[in-house]
Protein backbone atom coordinates (compact mmCIF):
# COMPACT_ATOMS: atom_id res chain seq x y z
CA MET A 1 -13.59 -76.90 -28.42
CA GLU A 2 -11.81 -73.33 -28.20
CA PHE A 3 -13.81 -69.92 -29.02
CA SER A 4 -11.78 -66.74 -29.61
CA ILE A 5 -13.10 -63.60 -28.67
CA GLU A 6 -10.01 -61.80 -29.87
CA SER A 7 -12.52 -60.57 -32.99
CA LEU A 8 -15.01 -58.23 -30.35
CA GLU A 9 -14.67 -54.41 -31.27
CA THR A 10 -16.13 -53.59 -27.32
CA PRO A 11 -14.76 -55.43 -24.30
CA ALA A 12 -18.51 -56.18 -23.21
CA LEU A 13 -19.58 -60.08 -24.38
CA THR A 14 -23.23 -59.51 -25.81
CA LYS A 15 -25.47 -61.54 -27.14
CA ALA A 16 -25.28 -60.50 -30.33
CA HIS A 17 -21.55 -61.55 -29.94
CA LEU A 18 -22.23 -65.16 -28.74
CA ALA A 19 -24.34 -65.53 -31.41
CA GLU A 20 -21.80 -64.11 -34.39
CA LEU A 21 -19.16 -66.68 -32.49
CA LEU A 22 -21.48 -70.04 -32.85
CA PHE A 23 -22.12 -68.76 -36.47
CA GLU A 24 -18.10 -67.80 -37.71
CA GLN A 25 -16.86 -71.18 -35.26
CA ILE A 26 -19.40 -73.79 -35.76
CA GLY A 27 -21.04 -73.27 -38.96
CA LEU A 28 -25.12 -72.43 -37.87
CA ASN A 29 -26.70 -70.19 -39.75
CA LYS A 30 -27.05 -66.85 -38.14
CA ARG A 31 -30.85 -67.47 -37.23
CA GLU A 32 -29.87 -70.66 -35.49
CA SER A 33 -27.25 -68.88 -33.57
CA LYS A 34 -28.98 -66.21 -32.09
CA ASP A 35 -31.67 -68.49 -31.73
CA MET A 36 -29.47 -71.23 -29.28
CA ILE A 37 -28.23 -68.14 -27.16
CA ASP A 38 -31.85 -66.70 -27.04
CA ALA A 39 -33.28 -70.11 -25.69
CA PHE A 40 -29.98 -70.27 -23.38
CA PHE A 41 -30.64 -67.20 -21.64
CA ASP A 42 -34.40 -67.60 -21.56
CA LEU A 43 -34.14 -70.85 -19.75
CA ILE A 44 -31.43 -69.72 -17.30
CA SER A 45 -33.90 -66.45 -16.10
CA ASP A 46 -37.00 -69.00 -16.23
CA ARG A 47 -35.44 -71.34 -13.70
CA LEU A 48 -33.97 -68.34 -11.63
CA VAL A 49 -37.86 -67.19 -11.80
CA GLU A 50 -38.89 -70.15 -10.72
CA GLY A 51 -36.88 -70.00 -7.82
CA THR A 52 -34.37 -72.81 -8.88
CA ASP A 53 -30.49 -72.29 -8.80
CA VAL A 54 -28.73 -72.83 -11.96
CA LYS A 55 -25.26 -74.54 -12.32
CA ILE A 56 -22.91 -74.50 -14.99
CA SER A 57 -20.19 -76.51 -14.74
CA GLY A 58 -17.13 -75.43 -14.79
CA PHE A 59 -18.13 -71.93 -14.16
CA GLY A 60 -19.93 -71.28 -11.66
CA ASN A 61 -23.60 -71.03 -9.82
CA PHE A 62 -26.86 -68.55 -9.74
CA GLN A 63 -28.79 -68.67 -7.18
CA ILE A 64 -32.08 -66.21 -6.06
CA ARG A 65 -31.34 -65.47 -2.53
CA THR A 66 -34.13 -63.23 -0.39
CA LYS A 67 -33.16 -59.89 1.33
CA ALA A 68 -35.23 -58.94 4.39
CA PRO A 69 -37.28 -55.79 4.33
CA ARG A 70 -34.21 -52.84 5.93
CA PRO A 71 -34.37 -49.20 6.85
CA GLY A 72 -32.50 -47.46 4.12
CA ARG A 73 -31.36 -43.72 4.18
CA ASN A 74 -31.49 -40.95 1.06
CA PRO A 75 -27.79 -40.06 0.84
CA ARG A 76 -29.22 -36.90 -0.89
CA THR A 77 -31.96 -35.68 1.61
CA GLY A 78 -30.71 -37.72 4.81
CA GLU A 79 -34.64 -39.12 4.83
CA SER A 80 -35.26 -42.08 5.99
CA ILE A 81 -36.70 -45.03 4.06
CA PRO A 82 -37.96 -48.78 3.72
CA ILE A 83 -36.08 -50.53 1.92
CA GLU A 84 -38.96 -53.56 0.59
CA ALA A 85 -37.66 -57.43 1.14
CA ARG A 86 -37.00 -58.38 -2.51
CA ARG A 87 -35.53 -60.88 -4.29
CA VAL A 88 -31.63 -60.94 -6.30
CA VAL A 89 -29.45 -63.08 -7.88
CA THR A 90 -26.22 -63.58 -6.55
CA PHE A 91 -23.64 -65.58 -9.14
CA HIS A 92 -20.61 -67.57 -6.95
CA ALA A 93 -17.54 -68.80 -9.75
CA SER A 94 -16.64 -72.03 -9.28
CA HIS A 95 -12.67 -72.71 -8.60
CA LYS A 96 -11.86 -73.70 -12.22
CA LEU A 97 -13.03 -70.19 -13.48
CA LYS A 98 -11.58 -68.54 -10.36
CA GLU A 99 -8.22 -70.61 -11.07
CA GLN A 100 -8.18 -69.75 -14.75
CA ILE A 101 -8.90 -65.74 -13.84
CA GLN A 102 -5.72 -66.22 -11.42
CA VAL A 103 -3.54 -67.94 -13.85
CA THR A 104 -4.08 -65.28 -16.46
CA ALA A 105 -4.03 -62.16 -14.25
CA ALA A 106 -0.70 -63.59 -13.35
CA GLY A 107 0.54 -63.02 -16.50
CA PRO A 108 2.82 -65.84 -18.72
CA THR A 109 5.82 -67.50 -16.23
CA ALA A 110 9.57 -67.50 -17.77
């Protein structure tokens, strides 16, 4: 099944736009569409908060990485400040997604 996002007014793909696509192209009602999108992102968020990697086949991997504390500097004042340890989310695109992006960037071949 292929989804068209040509009708989007802004370049950002929002949760509201995704719900609208489910409504238009699959036939779910608007409430079900919104609930499905919310549940999808809640599931991803919950897994990441737990420290579990999220792998979406053909798209990529979301991983939690723990960054160690380090010295930093206020760029405005030059004052040294400590940067605390923190957890960050990283995303690594799958090979399929990378290939699709490259084919799209190269444009049509004659």
